[in-house]
Protein backbone atom coordinates (compact mmCIF):
# COMPACT_ATOMS: atom_id res chain seq x y z
CA UNK A 1 92.21 62.08 87.19
CA UNK A 2 93.05 65.06 89.44
CA UNK A 3 96.90 66.21 89.35
CA UNK A 4 98.44 68.38 92.01
CA UNK A 5 100.47 70.95 89.85
CA UNK A 6 103.86 71.81 91.40
CA UNK A 7 106.04 75.29 90.65
CA UNK A 8 103.28 77.00 88.96
CA UNK A 9 100.32 79.45 90.10
CA UNK A 10 97.85 76.87 89.37
CA UNK A 11 97.14 74.31 92.27
CA UNK A 12 95.92 71.28 90.24
CA UNK A 13 94.49 70.07 86.94
CA UNK A 14 91.93 67.99 86.33
CA UNK A 15 91.13 66.06 82.99
CA UNK A 16 89.50 63.31 81.26
CA UNK A 17 90.83 61.09 78.80
CA UNK A 18 88.56 58.44 76.43
CA UNK A 19 90.63 56.18 73.90
CA UNK A 20 93.78 58.15 74.33
CA UNK A 21 91.94 61.46 73.22
CA UNK A 22 91.93 64.28 75.85
CA UNK A 23 87.96 64.98 76.50
CA UNK A 24 88.41 68.03 78.60
CA UNK A 25 90.93 69.80 80.89
CA UNK A 26 90.43 72.17 83.70
CA UNK A 27 93.12 74.20 85.66
CA UNK A 28 92.31 75.34 89.37
CA UNK A 29 94.13 78.89 89.99
CA UNK A 30 96.92 80.35 87.67
CA UNK A 31 96.06 82.42 84.54
CA UNK A 32 92.66 81.92 83.77
CA UNK A 33 92.61 83.19 80.14
CA UNK A 34 95.77 81.25 79.30
CA UNK A 35 94.45 78.20 81.11
CA UNK A 36 91.27 78.46 79.24
CA UNK A 37 92.91 78.73 75.72
CA UNK A 38 95.18 75.62 76.61
CA UNK A 39 91.95 73.75 77.55
CA UNK A 40 90.14 74.65 74.75
CA UNK A 41 93.12 73.72 72.29
CA UNK A 42 94.40 70.20 73.63
CA UNK A 43 90.33 69.13 73.77
CA UNK A 44 90.39 66.53 70.68
CA UNK A 45 94.11 65.87 70.77
CA UNK A 46 95.78 62.72 71.18
CA UNK A 47 97.71 62.19 74.77
CA UNK A 48 100.92 61.87 73.09
CA UNK A 49 100.53 64.87 70.67
CA UNK A 50 99.57 67.22 73.51
CA UNK A 51 103.15 65.66 75.54
CA UNK A 52 105.19 66.29 72.24
CA UNK A 53 104.02 69.74 71.85
CA UNK A 54 103.80 71.08 75.42
CA UNK A 55 106.45 69.41 77.13
CA UNK A 56 109.33 71.57 78.73
CA UNK A 57 107.39 75.01 78.26
CA UNK A 58 108.47 77.18 80.90
CA UNK A 59 106.65 80.34 82.46
CA UNK A 60 109.02 83.07 82.67
CA UNK A 61 111.79 82.48 85.18
CA UNK A 62 110.05 79.27 86.26
CA UNK A 63 111.39 75.99 85.37
CA UNK A 64 107.89 74.78 84.42
CA UNK A 65 104.41 76.09 83.30
CA UNK A 66 100.66 75.02 83.35
CA UNK A 67 101.23 73.59 79.97
CA UNK A 68 104.34 71.43 81.10
CA UNK A 69 102.25 70.33 84.29
CA UNK A 70 99.59 69.21 82.19
CA UNK A 71 102.37 67.05 80.34
CA UNK A 72 103.52 65.62 83.50
CA UNK A 73 99.61 64.77 84.49
CA UNK A 74 99.36 63.17 81.32
CA UNK A 75 102.07 60.87 81.69
CA UNK A 76 101.29 59.86 85.32
CA UNK A 77 97.77 59.07 83.85
CA UNK A 78 99.62 56.50 81.26
CA UNK A 79 101.35 54.82 84.20
């Protein structure tokens, strides 16, 4: 799935889920080191666990973050 991120430096998040387990995540733009770290950490995790752990994470003065945007993307995927 491709998700258009909003309110953060990355412009889109692409990911694959199989049997409710995240297979891979890629962030386009943003902080490459943080995005790579998040991608490695969530690979192999259940979708609901990632949402629970990352939802509401903020980046500095912003009301959202790349991890929070990932949770929004995963929620959209579940619909």
